[in-house]
Every structure is written in structure tokens, then in C-alpha cells.
C-alpha atoms as a PDB file:
ATOM      1  CA  MET A   1    -131.546  70.877 -12.366  1.00  0.00           C
ATOM      2  CA  ASP A   2    -133.779  73.636 -12.760  1.00  0.00           C
ATOM      3  CA  ALA A   3    -136.391  71.901 -15.495  1.00  0.00           C
ATOM      4  CA  GLU A   4    -136.814  75.526 -16.320  1.00  0.00           C
ATOM      5  CA  ALA A   5    -133.561  76.746 -17.131  1.00  0.00           C
ATOM      6  CA  VAL A   6    -132.678  73.233 -18.730  1.00  0.00           C
ATOM      7  CA  ARG A   7    -135.774  73.685 -21.321  1.00  0.00           C
ATOM      8  CA  ALA A   8    -134.389  77.558 -21.788  1.00  0.00           C
ATOM      9  CA  ARG A   9    -130.772  75.727 -22.413  1.00  0.00           C
ATOM     10  CA  ALA A  10    -132.486  73.659 -24.797  1.00  0.00           C
ATOM     11  CA  GLU A  11    -134.404  76.578 -27.460  1.00  0.00           C
ATOM     12  CA  ASN A  12    -130.662  78.152 -26.713  1.00  0.00           C
ATOM     13  CA  ASP A  13    -131.650  81.198 -24.510  1.00  0.00           C
ATOM     14  CA  HIS A  14    -128.477  81.005 -22.962  1.00  0.00           C
ATOM     15  CA  PRO A  15    -129.512  84.036 -21.007  1.00  0.00           C
ATOM     16  CA  ARG A  16    -132.347  82.906 -19.470  1.00  0.00           C
ATOM     17  CA  ALA A  17    -131.023  79.434 -18.662  1.00  0.00           C
ATOM     18  CA  LEU A  18    -128.549  81.440 -16.133  1.00  0.00           C
ATOM     19  CA  GLU A  19    -130.514  83.163 -14.915  1.00  0.00           C
ATOM     20  CA  ARG A  20    -133.268  80.143 -14.159  1.00  0.00           C
ATOM     21  CA  ALA A  21    -129.402  78.325 -12.996  1.00  0.00           C
ATOM     22  CA  GLU A  22    -127.972  80.770 -11.160  1.00  0.00           C
ATOM     23  CA  ALA A  23    -131.623  81.339  -8.855  1.00  0.00           C
ATOM     24  CA  ALA A  24    -131.962  77.099  -7.978  1.00  0.00           C
ATOM     25  CA  ARG A  25    -128.151  77.523  -6.902  1.00  0.00           C
ATOM     26  CA  ALA A  26    -129.172  80.897  -4.208  1.00  0.00           C
ATOM     27  CA  MET A  27    -131.322  77.668  -2.556  1.00  0.00           C
ATOM     28  CA  ARG A  28    -128.772  75.382  -2.967  1.00  0.00           C
ATOM     29  CA  ALA A  29    -125.972  74.552  -4.746  1.00  0.00           C
ATOM     30  CA  THR A  30    -124.696  71.073  -7.267  1.00  0.00           C
ATOM     31  CA  ALA A  31    -122.252  69.491  -8.858  1.00  0.00           C
ATOM     32  CA  SER A  32    -124.169  69.403 -11.600  1.00  0.00           C
ATOM     33  CA  LEU A  33    -125.786  73.450 -11.283  1.00  0.00           C
ATOM     34  CA  LEU A  34    -122.429  74.567 -10.706  1.00  0.00           C
ATOM     35  CA  LEU A  35    -122.066  72.179 -14.130  1.00  0.00           C
ATOM     36  CA  PHE A  36    -124.473  74.447 -15.316  1.00  0.00           C
ATOM     37  CA  ILE A  37    -123.780  77.588 -14.554  1.00  0.00           C
ATOM     38  CA  ALA A  38    -120.109  77.163 -15.836  1.00  0.00           C
ATOM     39  CA  GLU A  39    -121.135  76.252 -18.938  1.00  0.00           C
ATOM     40  CA  GLU A  40    -123.827  79.115 -19.548  1.00  0.00           C
ATOM     41  CA  HIS A  41    -121.201  81.450 -19.405  1.00  0.00           C
ATOM     42  CA  GLU A  42    -118.195  79.850 -21.626  1.00  0.00           C
ATOM     43  CA  HIS A  43    -121.597  80.112 -24.149  1.00  0.00           C
ATOM     44  CA  LEU A  44    -121.886  83.850 -23.706  1.00  0.00           C
ATOM     45  CA  GLY A  45    -118.305  84.456 -24.090  1.00  0.00           C
ATOM     46  CA  HIS A  46    -117.971  85.038 -19.785  1.00  0.00           C
ATOM     47  CA  LEU A  47    -114.056  82.594 -20.088  1.00  0.00           C
ATOM     48  CA  PRO A  48    -113.746  84.318 -16.748  1.00  0.00           C
ATOM     49  CA  ILE A  49    -117.057  83.717 -14.956  1.00  0.00           C
ATOM     50  CA  ALA A  50    -116.824  79.853 -15.868  1.00  0.00           C
ATOM     51  CA  GLU A  51    -113.019  79.847 -15.263  1.00  0.00           C
ATOM     52  CA  ALA A  52    -115.061  80.608 -11.282  1.00  0.00           C
ATOM     53  CA  PHE A  53    -117.576  78.801 -11.870  1.00  0.00           C
ATOM     54  CA  SER A  54    -115.748  75.925 -11.827  1.00  0.00           C
ATOM     55  CA  GLU A  55    -113.189  76.587  -9.330  1.00  0.00           C
ATOM     56  CA  GLN A  56    -116.704  76.579  -7.171  1.00  0.00           C
ATOM     57  CA  LEU A  57    -117.443  72.805  -8.745  1.00  0.00           C
ATOM     58  CA  GLN A  58    -113.687  71.677  -8.122  1.00  0.00           C
ATOM     59  CA  ASN A  59    -113.539  72.998  -5.295  1.00  0.00           C
ATOM     60  CA  LEU A  60    -117.454  70.442  -4.345  1.00  0.00           C
ATOM     61  CA  VAL A  61    -116.493  67.797  -5.931  1.00  0.00           C
ATOM     62  CA  PHE A  62    -112.770  67.564  -4.664  1.00  0.00           C
ATOM     63  CA  THR A  63    -114.237  66.691  -1.832  1.00  0.00           C
ATOM     64  CA  GLY A  64    -115.949  63.497  -3.132  1.00  0.00           C
ATOM     65  CA  GLY A  65    -113.037  62.390  -4.380  1.00  0.00           C
ATOM     66  CA  GLN A  66    -112.328  60.632  -7.633  1.00  0.00           C
ATOM     67  CA  SER A  67    -115.562  59.345  -8.641  1.00  0.00           C
ATOM     68  CA  GLN A  68    -117.005  62.621  -8.411  1.00  0.00           C
ATOM     69  CA  VAL A  69    -114.216  64.106 -10.260  1.00  0.00           C
ATOM     70  CA  ASP A  70    -114.202  61.997 -13.330  1.00  0.00           C
ATOM     71  CA  VAL A  71    -118.131  62.393 -13.623  1.00  0.00           C
ATOM     72  CA  VAL A  72    -117.543  65.644 -13.823  1.00  0.00           C
ATOM     73  CA  LEU A  73    -115.292  65.983 -16.751  1.00  0.00           C
ATOM     74  CA  MET A  74    -117.247  63.212 -18.569  1.00  0.00           C
ATOM     75  CA  GLN A  75    -120.668  65.113 -18.118  1.00  0.00           C
ATOM     76  CA  SER A  76    -118.543  68.288 -19.297  1.00  0.00           C
ATOM     77  CA  ARG A  77    -119.004  70.641 -22.309  1.00  0.00           C
ATOM     78  CA  SER A  78    -115.946  73.455 -21.164  1.00  0.00           C
ATOM     79  CA  HIS A  79    -113.617  74.476 -21.963  1.00  0.00           C
ATOM     80  CA  ALA A  80    -113.193  76.935 -18.593  1.00  0.00           C
ATOM     81  CA  VAL A  81    -114.501  73.346 -16.609  1.00  0.00           C
ATOM     82  CA  ARG A  82    -111.746  70.598 -18.074  1.00  0.00           C
ATOM     83  CA  LYS A  83    -109.157  73.709 -17.797  1.00  0.00           C
ATOM     84  CA  VAL A  84    -109.402  74.604 -14.105  1.00  0.00           C
ATOM     85  CA  PHE A  85    -109.552  70.048 -13.590  1.00  0.00           C
ATOM     86  CA  ALA A  86    -106.525  69.855 -15.250  1.00  0.00           C
ATOM     87  CA  ALA A  87    -104.606  71.784 -13.359  1.00  0.00           C
ATOM     88  CA  ALA A  88    -105.810  71.280  -9.878  1.00  0.00           C
ATOM     89  CA  VAL A  89    -105.532  66.479 -10.682  1.00  0.00           C
ATOM     90  CA  GLU A  90    -102.026  67.865 -12.387  1.00  0.00           C
ATOM     91  CA  PHE A  91    -100.966  69.666  -8.618  1.00  0.00           C
ATOM     92  CA  ILE A  92    -102.525  67.464  -6.265  1.00  0.00           C
ATOM     93  CA  ALA A  93    -100.548  64.422  -8.556  1.00  0.00           C
ATOM     94  CA  ALA A  94     -97.041  66.305  -7.965  1.00  0.00           C
END
């Protein structure tokens, strides 16, 4: 995770936090980074984009097993992330 992005979030500078996180993503997408980006887009009211990043996150963590899914859901404050993951878990259970 980019320290500058985390600092910008703490300062409520969400546009800068998002810019730094997306720059870090260009180098390497990790679950924590995709979660951060989804949450920042949601905070800025970019709900379709937040859901798109949530879907990318879902694709990444489901390959790591249920424990990774549980960790993401516990850490996430994002409605978009929870919505996408809940639908996926429901689909898999059916």
C-alpha cells in the first residue's frame, strides 16, 4: 500500500488518496490496494466505479480461498465491496 495514499485518506483528501492508490495499482494490484481504491471511489460517490473495482477484488481473492474473502469482508467499510461479495457468495452457495 502506498503510504502517501494512506496519509491522504487520513487527511480526508480522497482525490489525492485515489490518485496515489491508482498509481500504485499500475505497478502491482493487490487485494488491499483494490479494496482501498473501491472504498475511495465509493467515498467520492463514484458507485459504478467502486463496484467495478469490487469485482476485480472479488476475482483476485476468490482464487485465494474463503479465508481471504472473509478477511476482505471484515476489513471493508465499502457498501459496494460488500454488495458484490455478498452476491458472489450467494451465487456460489446456490
